[in-house]
Amino acid sequence: MRIYYLYILLHKDIKMKTLSLKLDDNIFEDTEKVVSELKLARNRYINEALNLYNQYNKKRVLRKKLAKESQLVAQSSAEVLAEFEKLADETP
């Protein structure tokens, strides 16, 4: 395992953060091949990859929340429907 430095772009500012990153050798070697073929700077490539992965995970979290809330609403809707059916049965 090797240690590399990664710069992360923050918001619209051109501020960068330095961090130490440990990569598995095979991931590093694959990254170097792709970066070379694309003629991209390694830090630019990793920034773009992290940005895509962050978007992916934000969507995953949102899907989980929506599924949970949808389930809660479904239960509540079933209870309301049952109440309306009782009222409908009671009316002459």
PDB file of N, CA and C in Angstrom:
ATOM      1  N   MET A   1       0.840  -1.175   0.000  1.00  0.00           N
ATOM      2  CA  MET A   1       0.000   0.000   0.000  1.00  0.00           C
ATOM      3  C   MET A   1       0.888   1.242   0.000  1.00  0.00           C
ATOM      4  N   ARG A   2       0.503   2.233  -0.779  1.00  0.00           N
ATOM      5  CA  ARG A   2       1.286   3.463  -0.884  1.00  0.00           C
ATOM      6  C   ARG A   2       0.457   4.626  -0.366  1.00  0.00           C
ATOM      7  N   ILE A   3       1.114   5.683   0.001  1.00  0.00           N
ATOM      8  CA  ILE A   3       0.429   6.897   0.455  1.00  0.00           C
ATOM      9  C   ILE A   3       0.562   7.955  -0.624  1.00  0.00           C
ATOM     10  N   TYR A   4      -0.563   8.554  -0.988  1.00  0.00           N
ATOM     11  CA  TYR A   4      -0.587   9.596  -2.010  1.00  0.00           C
ATOM     12  C   TYR A   4      -1.317  10.801  -1.451  1.00  0.00           C
ATOM     13  N   TYR A   5      -1.116  11.930  -2.047  1.00  0.00           N
ATOM     14  CA  TYR A   5      -1.795  13.139  -1.612  1.00  0.00           C
ATOM     15  C   TYR A   5      -2.883  13.492  -2.601  1.00  0.00           C
ATOM     16  N   LEU A   6      -4.007  13.904  -2.069  1.00  0.00           N
ATOM     17  CA  LEU A   6      -5.171  14.199  -2.875  1.00  0.00           C
ATOM     18  C   LEU A   6      -5.644  15.610  -2.560  1.00  0.00           C
ATOM     19  N   TYR A   7      -5.970  16.375  -3.587  1.00  0.00           N
ATOM     20  CA  TYR A   7      -6.492  17.716  -3.412  1.00  0.00           C
ATOM     21  C   TYR A   7      -7.984  17.694  -3.719  1.00  0.00           C
ATOM     22  N   ILE A   8      -8.781  18.237  -2.813  1.00  0.00           N
ATOM     23  CA  ILE A   8     -10.229  18.248  -2.992  1.00  0.00           C
ATOM     24  C   ILE A   8     -10.691  19.678  -3.200  1.00  0.00           C
ATOM     25  N   LEU A   9     -11.416  19.903  -4.285  1.00  0.00           N
ATOM     26  CA  LEU A   9     -11.947  21.219  -4.609  1.00  0.00           C
ATOM     27  C   LEU A   9     -13.161  21.492  -3.735  1.00  0.00           C
ATOM     28  N   LEU A  10     -13.196  22.670  -3.131  1.00  0.00           N
ATOM     29  CA  LEU A  10     -14.314  23.030  -2.268  1.00  0.00           C
ATOM     30  C   LEU A  10     -15.170  24.087  -2.929  1.00  0.00           C
ATOM     31  N   HIS A  11     -16.449  23.782  -3.074  1.00  0.00           N
ATOM     32  CA  HIS A  11     -17.468  24.695  -3.611  1.00  0.00           C
ATOM     33  C   HIS A  11     -16.976  25.445  -4.852  1.00  0.00           C
ATOM     34  N   LYS A  12     -17.346  26.706  -4.958  1.00  0.00           N
ATOM     35  CA  LYS A  12     -16.974  27.499  -6.127  1.00  0.00           C
ATOM     36  C   LYS A  12     -15.599  28.126  -5.950  1.00  0.00           C
ATOM     37  N   ASP A  13     -15.141  28.175  -4.715  1.00  0.00           N
ATOM     38  CA  ASP A  13     -13.807  28.736  -4.471  1.00  0.00           C
ATOM     39  C   ASP A  13     -12.767  27.781  -5.050  1.00  0.00           C
ATOM     40  N   ILE A  14     -11.598  28.295  -5.248  1.00  0.00           N
ATOM     41  CA  ILE A  14     -10.522  27.454  -5.772  1.00  0.00           C
ATOM     42  C   ILE A  14      -9.654  26.971  -4.609  1.00  0.00           C
ATOM     43  N   LYS A  15     -10.236  26.857  -3.456  1.00  0.00           N
ATOM     44  CA  LYS A  15      -9.496  26.363  -2.292  1.00  0.00           C
ATOM     45  C   LYS A  15      -9.376  24.852  -2.381  1.00  0.00           C
ATOM     46  N   MET A  16      -8.244  24.362  -1.974  1.00  0.00           N
ATOM     47  CA  MET A  16      -7.995  22.930  -1.999  1.00  0.00           C
ATOM     48  C   MET A  16      -7.587  22.474  -0.604  1.00  0.00           C
ATOM     49  N   LYS A  17      -7.931  21.255  -0.306  1.00  0.00           N
ATOM     50  CA  LYS A  17      -7.514  20.619   0.937  1.00  0.00           C
ATOM     51  C   LYS A  17      -6.547  19.502   0.592  1.00  0.00           C
ATOM     52  N   THR A  18      -5.533  19.364   1.395  1.00  0.00           N
ATOM     53  CA  THR A  18      -4.569  18.285   1.207  1.00  0.00           C
ATOM     54  C   THR A  18      -4.907  17.184   2.192  1.00  0.00           C
ATOM     55  N   LEU A  19      -4.886  15.953   1.701  1.00  0.00           N
ATOM     56  CA  LEU A  19      -5.092  14.844   2.615  1.00  0.00           C
ATOM     57  C   LEU A  19      -4.222  13.681   2.189  1.00  0.00           C
ATOM     58  N   SER A  20      -3.937  12.858   3.150  1.00  0.00           N
ATOM     59  CA  SER A  20      -3.153  11.666   2.891  1.00  0.00           C
ATOM     60  C   SER A  20      -4.122  10.549   2.530  1.00  0.00           C
ATOM     61  N   LEU A  21      -3.800   9.787   1.511  1.00  0.00           N
ATOM     62  CA  LEU A  21      -4.701   8.755   1.017  1.00  0.00           C
ATOM     63  C   LEU A  21      -3.926   7.471   0.796  1.00  0.00           C
ATOM     64  N   LYS A  22      -4.416   6.394   1.368  1.00  0.00           N
ATOM     65  CA  LYS A  22      -3.790   5.092   1.139  1.00  0.00           C
ATOM     66  C   LYS A  22      -4.619   4.354   0.108  1.00  0.00           C
ATOM     67  N   LEU A  23      -3.962   3.943  -0.962  1.00  0.00           N
ATOM     68  CA  LEU A  23      -4.625   3.196  -2.027  1.00  0.00           C
ATOM     69  C   LEU A  23      -4.012   1.814  -2.136  1.00  0.00           C
ATOM     70  N   ASP A  24      -4.851   0.843  -2.442  1.00  0.00           N
ATOM     71  CA  ASP A  24      -4.328  -0.476  -2.757  1.00  0.00           C
ATOM     72  C   ASP A  24      -3.513  -0.334  -4.043  1.00  0.00           C
ATOM     73  N   ASP A  25      -2.450  -1.106  -4.138  1.00  0.00           N
ATOM     74  CA  ASP A  25      -1.573  -1.004  -5.308  1.00  0.00           C
ATOM     75  C   ASP A  25      -2.324  -1.221  -6.616  1.00  0.00           C
ATOM     76  N   ASN A  26      -3.232  -2.193  -6.649  1.00  0.00           N
ATOM     77  CA  ASN A  26      -3.943  -2.467  -7.901  1.00  0.00           C
ATOM     78  C   ASN A  26      -4.866  -1.306  -8.289  1.00  0.00           C
ATOM     79  N   ILE A  27      -5.483  -0.653  -7.318  1.00  0.00           N
ATOM     80  CA  ILE A  27      -6.330   0.499  -7.613  1.00  0.00           C
ATOM     81  C   ILE A  27      -5.471   1.645  -8.139  1.00  0.00           C
ATOM     82  N   PHE A  28      -4.324   1.848  -7.516  1.00  0.00           N
ATOM     83  CA  PHE A  28      -3.420   2.904  -7.985  1.00  0.00           C
ATOM     84  C   PHE A  28      -2.957   2.637  -9.415  1.00  0.00           C
ATOM     85  N   GLU A  29      -2.573   1.408  -9.682  1.00  0.00           N
ATOM     86  CA  GLU A  29      -2.077   1.071 -11.020  1.00  0.00           C
ATOM     87  C   GLU A  29      -3.173   1.238 -12.079  1.00  0.00           C
ATOM     88  N   ASP A  30      -4.390   0.801 -11.760  1.00  0.00           N
ATOM     89  CA  ASP A  30      -5.513   0.992 -12.692  1.00  0.00           C
ATOM     90  C   ASP A  30      -5.771   2.474 -12.921  1.00  0.00           C
ATOM     91  N   THR A  31      -5.725   3.240 -11.863  1.00  0.00           N
ATOM     92  CA  THR A  31      -5.954   4.686 -11.958  1.00  0.00           C
ATOM     93  C   THR A  31      -4.891   5.337 -12.833  1.00  0.00           C
ATOM     94  N   GLU A  32      -3.650   4.943 -12.637  1.00  0.00           N
ATOM     95  CA  GLU A  32      -2.564   5.509 -13.442  1.00  0.00           C
ATOM     96  C   GLU A  32      -2.753   5.207 -14.935  1.00  0.00           C
ATOM     97  N   LYS A  33      -3.217   4.008 -15.241  1.00  0.00           N
ATOM     98  CA  LYS A  33      -3.459   3.652 -16.647  1.00  0.00           C
ATOM     99  C   LYS A  33      -4.561   4.536 -17.240  1.00  0.00           C
ATOM    100  N   VAL A  34      -5.656   4.673 -16.511  1.00  0.00           N
ATOM    101  CA  VAL A  34      -6.786   5.461 -17.007  1.00  0.00           C
ATOM    102  C   VAL A  34      -6.396   6.925 -17.149  1.00  0.00           C
ATOM    103  N   VAL A  35      -5.728   7.461 -16.136  1.00  0.00           N
ATOM    104  CA  VAL A  35      -5.308   8.863 -16.157  1.00  0.00           C
ATOM    105  C   VAL A  35      -4.389   9.119 -17.355  1.00  0.00           C
ATOM    106  N   SER A  36      -3.511   8.188 -17.610  1.00  0.00           N
ATOM    107  CA  SER A  36      -2.582   8.320 -18.738  1.00  0.00           C
ATOM    108  C   SER A  36      -3.345   8.318 -20.065  1.00  0.00           C
ATOM    109  N   GLU A  37      -4.298   7.401 -20.196  1.00  0.00           N
ATOM    110  CA  GLU A  37      -5.076   7.313 -21.434  1.00  0.00           C
ATOM    111  C   GLU A  37      -5.937   8.559 -21.643  1.00  0.00           C
ATOM    112  N   LEU A  38      -6.497   9.079 -20.559  1.00  0.00           N
ATOM    113  CA  LEU A  38      -7.358  10.257 -20.664  1.00  0.00           C
ATOM    114  C   LEU A  38      -6.572  11.563 -20.689  1.00  0.00           C
ATOM    115  N   LYS A  39      -5.285  11.468 -20.399  1.00  0.00           N
ATOM    116  CA  LYS A  39      -4.422  12.649 -20.312  1.00  0.00           C
ATOM    117  C   LYS A  39      -4.979  13.666 -19.311  1.00  0.00           C
ATOM    118  N   LEU A  40      -5.311  13.147 -18.139  1.00  0.00           N
ATOM    119  CA  LEU A  40      -5.830  13.962 -17.037  1.00  0.00           C
ATOM    120  C   LEU A  40      -4.835  13.956 -15.887  1.00  0.00           C
ATOM    121  N   ALA A  41      -4.836  15.029 -15.131  1.00  0.00           N
ATOM    122  CA  ALA A  41      -4.036  15.039 -13.906  1.00  0.00           C
ATOM    123  C   ALA A  41      -4.680  14.068 -12.917  1.00  0.00           C
ATOM    124  N   ARG A  42      -3.852  13.361 -12.166  1.00  0.00           N
ATOM    125  CA  ARG A  42      -4.354  12.381 -11.208  1.00  0.00           C
ATOM    126  C   ARG A  42      -5.324  13.019 -10.222  1.00  0.00           C
ATOM    127  N   ASN A  43      -4.966  14.192  -9.677  1.00  0.00           N
ATOM    128  CA  ASN A  43      -5.852  14.803  -8.681  1.00  0.00           C
ATOM    129  C   ASN A  43      -7.186  15.217  -9.307  1.00  0.00           C
ATOM    130  N   ARG A  44      -7.189  15.659 -10.583  1.00  0.00           N
ATOM    131  CA  ARG A  44      -8.434  16.019 -11.276  1.00  0.00           C
ATOM    132  C   ARG A  44      -9.313  14.792 -11.432  1.00  0.00           C
ATOM    133  N   TYR A  45      -8.691  13.680 -11.836  1.00  0.00           N
ATOM    134  CA  TYR A  45      -9.412  12.424 -12.020  1.00  0.00           C
ATOM    135  C   TYR A  45     -10.037  11.961 -10.704  1.00  0.00           C
ATOM    136  N   ILE A  46      -9.259  12.007  -9.636  1.00  0.00           N
ATOM    137  CA  ILE A  46      -9.764  11.555  -8.333  1.00  0.00           C
ATOM    138  C   ILE A  46     -10.851  12.498  -7.831  1.00  0.00           C
ATOM    139  N   ASN A  47     -10.698  13.804  -8.053  1.00  0.00           N
ATOM    140  CA  ASN A  47     -11.752  14.750  -7.689  1.00  0.00           C
ATOM    141  C   ASN A  47     -13.054  14.413  -8.410  1.00  0.00           C
ATOM    142  N   GLU A  48     -12.971  14.155  -9.709  1.00  0.00           N
ATOM    143  CA  GLU A  48     -14.166  13.834 -10.481  1.00  0.00           C
ATOM    144  C   GLU A  48     -14.777  12.510 -10.024  1.00  0.00           C
ATOM    145  N   ALA A  49     -13.925  11.547  -9.731  1.00  0.00           N
ATOM    146  CA  ALA A  49     -14.416  10.247  -9.263  1.00  0.00           C
ATOM    147  C   ALA A  49     -15.134  10.393  -7.918  1.00  0.00           C
ATOM    148  N   LEU A  50     -14.549  11.156  -7.011  1.00  0.00           N
ATOM    149  CA  LEU A  50     -15.184  11.362  -5.710  1.00  0.00           C
ATOM    150  C   LEU A  50     -16.490  12.132  -5.850  1.00  0.00           C
ATOM    151  N   ASN A  51     -16.518  13.094  -6.749  1.00  0.00           N
ATOM    152  CA  ASN A  51     -17.741  13.849  -6.980  1.00  0.00           C
ATOM    153  C   ASN A  51     -18.857  12.921  -7.461  1.00  0.00           C
ATOM    154  N   LEU A  52     -18.550  12.059  -8.423  1.00  0.00           N
ATOM    155  CA  LEU A  52     -19.548  11.102  -8.911  1.00  0.00           C
ATOM    156  C   LEU A  52     -19.989  10.145  -7.809  1.00  0.00           C
ATOM    157  N   TYR A  53     -19.051   9.666  -7.018  1.00  0.00           N
ATOM    158  CA  TYR A  53     -19.376   8.729  -5.938  1.00  0.00           C
ATOM    159  C   TYR A  53     -20.220   9.412  -4.866  1.00  0.00           C
ATOM    160  N   ASN A  54     -19.942  10.674  -4.581  1.00  0.00           N
ATOM    161  CA  ASN A  54     -20.762  11.427  -3.632  1.00  0.00           C
ATOM    162  C   ASN A  54     -22.187  11.582  -4.153  1.00  0.00           C
ATOM    163  N   GLN A  55     -22.338  11.907  -5.433  1.00  0.00           N
ATOM    164  CA  GLN A  55     -23.672  12.030  -6.025  1.00  0.00           C
ATOM    165  C   GLN A  55     -24.421  10.704  -5.941  1.00  0.00           C
ATOM    166  N   TYR A  56     -23.736   9.626  -6.259  1.00  0.00           N
ATOM    167  CA  TYR A  56     -24.327   8.292  -6.191  1.00  0.00           C
ATOM    168  C   TYR A  56     -24.824   7.982  -4.777  1.00  0.00           C
ATOM    169  N   ASN A  57     -23.993   8.241  -3.784  1.00  0.00           N
ATOM    170  CA  ASN A  57     -24.373   7.931  -2.408  1.00  0.00           C
ATOM    171  C   ASN A  57     -25.465   8.851  -1.878  1.00  0.00           C
ATOM    172  N   LYS A  58     -25.468  10.110  -2.302  1.00  0.00           N
ATOM    173  CA  LYS A  58     -26.556  11.007  -1.907  1.00  0.00           C
ATOM    174  C   LYS A  58     -27.890  10.488  -2.431  1.00  0.00           C
ATOM    175  N   LYS A  59     -27.892  10.007  -3.669  1.00  0.00           N
ATOM    176  CA  LYS A  59     -29.114   9.444  -4.246  1.00  0.00           C
ATOM    177  C   LYS A  59     -29.531   8.174  -3.515  1.00  0.00           C
ATOM    178  N   ARG A  60     -28.562   7.347  -3.154  1.00  0.00           N
ATOM    179  CA  ARG A  60     -28.870   6.121  -2.407  1.00  0.00           C
ATOM    180  C   ARG A  60     -29.517   6.440  -1.077  1.00  0.00           C
ATOM    181  N   VAL A  61     -28.951   7.425  -0.366  1.00  0.00           N
ATOM    182  CA  VAL A  61     -29.498   7.833   0.931  1.00  0.00           C
ATOM    183  C   VAL A  61     -30.910   8.381   0.746  1.00  0.00           C
ATOM    184  N   LEU A  62     -31.112   9.205  -0.275  1.00  0.00           N
ATOM    185  CA  LEU A  62     -32.423   9.774  -0.549  1.00  0.00           C
ATOM    186  C   LEU A  62     -33.439   8.679  -0.870  1.00  0.00           C
ATOM    187  N   ARG A  63     -33.037   7.689  -1.682  1.00  0.00           N
ATOM    188  CA  ARG A  63     -33.938   6.574  -2.003  1.00  0.00           C
ATOM    189  C   ARG A  63     -34.356   5.838  -0.746  1.00  0.00           C
ATOM    190  N   LYS A  64     -33.401   5.610   0.162  1.00  0.00           N
ATOM    191  CA  LYS A  64     -33.714   4.921   1.423  1.00  0.00           C
ATOM    192  C   LYS A  64     -34.726   5.724   2.244  1.00  0.00           C
ATOM    193  N   LYS A  65     -34.478   7.039   2.337  1.00  0.00           N
ATOM    194  CA  LYS A  65     -35.386   7.898   3.098  1.00  0.00           C
ATOM    195  C   LYS A  65     -36.780   7.903   2.482  1.00  0.00           C
ATOM    196  N   LEU A  66     -36.838   8.019   1.164  1.00  0.00           N
ATOM    197  CA  LEU A  66     -38.138   8.039   0.486  1.00  0.00           C
ATOM    198  C   LEU A  66     -38.877   6.718   0.663  1.00  0.00           C
ATOM    199  N   ALA A  67     -38.169   5.613   0.597  1.00  0.00           N
ATOM    200  CA  ALA A  67     -38.796   4.304   0.784  1.00  0.00           C
ATOM    201  C   ALA A  67     -39.356   4.187   2.193  1.00  0.00           C
ATOM    202  N   LYS A  68     -38.590   4.648   3.175  1.00  0.00           N
ATOM    203  CA  LYS A  68     -39.040   4.583   4.566  1.00  0.00           C
ATOM    204  C   LYS A  68     -40.265   5.469   4.781  1.00  0.00           C
ATOM    205  N   GLU A  69     -40.202   6.703   4.277  1.00  0.00           N
ATOM    206  CA  GLU A  69     -41.316   7.626   4.437  1.00  0.00           C
ATOM    207  C   GLU A  69     -42.538   7.143   3.661  1.00  0.00           C
ATOM    208  N   SER A  70     -42.320   6.557   2.524  1.00  0.00           N
ATOM    209  CA  SER A  70     -43.415   6.017   1.718  1.00  0.00           C
ATOM    210  C   SER A  70     -44.118   4.900   2.474  1.00  0.00           C
ATOM    211  N   GLN A  71     -43.342   4.082   3.150  1.00  0.00           N
ATOM    212  CA  GLN A  71     -43.905   2.996   3.938  1.00  0.00           C
ATOM    213  C   GLN A  71     -44.740   3.550   5.089  1.00  0.00           C
ATOM    214  N   LEU A  72     -44.243   4.601   5.743  1.00  0.00           N
ATOM    215  CA  LEU A  72     -45.000   5.227   6.831  1.00  0.00           C
ATOM    216  C   LEU A  72     -46.314   5.815   6.325  1.00  0.00           C
ATOM    217  N   VAL A  73     -46.261   6.478   5.177  1.00  0.00           N
ATOM    218  CA  VAL A  73     -47.463   7.075   4.599  1.00  0.00           C
ATOM    219  C   VAL A  73     -48.456   5.983   4.201  1.00  0.00           C
ATOM    220  N   ALA A  74     -47.948   4.881   3.666  1.00  0.00           N
ATOM    221  CA  ALA A  74     -48.824   3.781   3.249  1.00  0.00           C
ATOM    222  C   ALA A  74     -49.582   3.222   4.453  1.00  0.00           C
ATOM    223  N   GLN A  75     -48.897   3.061   5.573  1.00  0.00           N
ATOM    224  CA  GLN A  75     -49.549   2.558   6.783  1.00  0.00           C
ATOM    225  C   GLN A  75     -50.614   3.531   7.252  1.00  0.00           C
ATOM    226  N   SER A  76     -50.267   4.801   7.262  1.00  0.00           N
ATOM    227  CA  SER A  76     -51.207   5.830   7.688  1.00  0.00           C
ATOM    228  C   SER A  76     -52.412   5.877   6.746  1.00  0.00           C
ATOM    229  N   SER A  77     -52.172   5.783   5.453  1.00  0.00           N
ATOM    230  CA  SER A  77     -53.253   5.810   4.466  1.00  0.00           C
ATOM    231  C   SER A  77     -54.186   4.622   4.654  1.00  0.00           C
ATOM    232  N   ALA A  78     -53.630   3.462   4.958  1.00  0.00           N
ATOM    233  CA  ALA A  78     -54.446   2.269   5.191  1.00  0.00           C
ATOM    234  C   ALA A  78     -55.343   2.465   6.411  1.00  0.00           C
ATOM    235  N   GLU A  79     -54.812   3.102   7.453  1.00  0.00           N
ATOM    236  CA  GLU A  79     -55.606   3.365   8.654  1.00  0.00           C
ATOM    237  C   GLU A  79     -56.745   4.334   8.355  1.00  0.00           C
ATOM    238  N   VAL A  80     -56.455   5.381   7.590  1.00  0.00           N
ATOM    239  CA  VAL A  80     -57.480   6.367   7.223  1.00  0.00           C
ATOM    240  C   VAL A  80     -58.552   5.699   6.363  1.00  0.00           C
ATOM    241  N   LEU A  81     -58.155   4.877   5.415  1.00  0.00           N
ATOM    242  CA  LEU A  81     -59.094   4.172   4.558  1.00  0.00           C
ATOM    243  C   LEU A  81     -60.011   3.272   5.387  1.00  0.00           C
ATOM    244  N   ALA A  82     -59.424   2.576   6.360  1.00  0.00           N
ATOM    245  CA  ALA A  82     -60.223   1.698   7.226  1.00  0.00           C
ATOM    246  C   ALA A  82     -61.258   2.514   8.002  1.00  0.00           C
ATOM    247  N   GLU A  83     -60.868   3.690   8.482  1.00  0.00           N
ATOM    248  CA  GLU A  83     -61.803   4.560   9.198  1.00  0.00           C
ATOM    249  C   GLU A  83     -62.941   5.014   8.285  1.00  0.00           C
ATOM    250  N   PHE A  84     -62.608   5.395   7.067  1.00  0.00           N
ATOM    251  CA  PHE A  84     -63.646   5.809   6.113  1.00  0.00           C
ATOM    252  C   PHE A  84     -64.589   4.658   5.784  1.00  0.00           C
ATOM    253  N   GLU A  85     -64.049   3.457   5.662  1.00  0.00           N
ATOM    254  CA  GLU A  85     -64.896   2.300   5.374  1.00  0.00           C
ATOM    255  C   GLU A  85     -65.849   2.033   6.523  1.00  0.00           C
ATOM    256  N   LYS A  86     -65.378   2.222   7.778  1.00  0.00           N
ATOM    257  CA  LYS A  86     -66.256   2.055   8.938  1.00  0.00           C
ATOM    258  C   LYS A  86     -67.384   3.068   8.883  1.00  0.00           C
ATOM    259  N   LEU A  87     -67.043   4.325   8.569  1.00  0.00           N
ATOM    260  CA  LEU A  87     -68.041   5.379   8.481  1.00  0.00           C
ATOM    261  C   LEU A  87     -69.049   5.069   7.379  1.00  0.00           C
ATOM    262  N   ALA A  88     -68.556   4.582   6.251  1.00  0.00           N
ATOM    263  CA  ALA A  88     -69.426   4.246   5.134  1.00  0.00           C
ATOM    264  C   ALA A  88     -70.375   3.103   5.495  1.00  0.00           C
ATOM    265  N   ASP A  89     -69.882   2.134   6.273  1.00  0.00           N
ATOM    266  CA  ASP A  89     -70.702   0.990   6.693  1.00  0.00           C
ATOM    267  C   ASP A  89     -71.764   1.419   7.695  1.00  0.00           C
ATOM    268  N   GLU A  90     -71.477   2.435   8.492  1.00  0.00           N
ATOM    269  CA  GLU A  90     -72.408   2.890   9.527  1.00  0.00           C
ATOM    270  C   GLU A  90     -73.518   3.757   8.966  1.00  0.00           C
ATOM    271  N   THR A  91     -73.345   4.391   7.851  1.00  0.00           N
ATOM    272  CA  THR A  91     -74.367   5.260   7.291  1.00  0.00           C
ATOM    273  C   THR A  91     -75.445   4.425   6.596  1.00  0.00           C
ATOM    274  N   PRO A  92     -76.724   4.833   6.793  1.00  0.00           N
ATOM    275  CA  PRO A  92     -77.830   4.035   6.220  1.00  0.00           C
ATOM    276  C   PRO A  92     -77.956   4.150   4.734  1.00  0.00           C
TER     277      PRO A  92
END
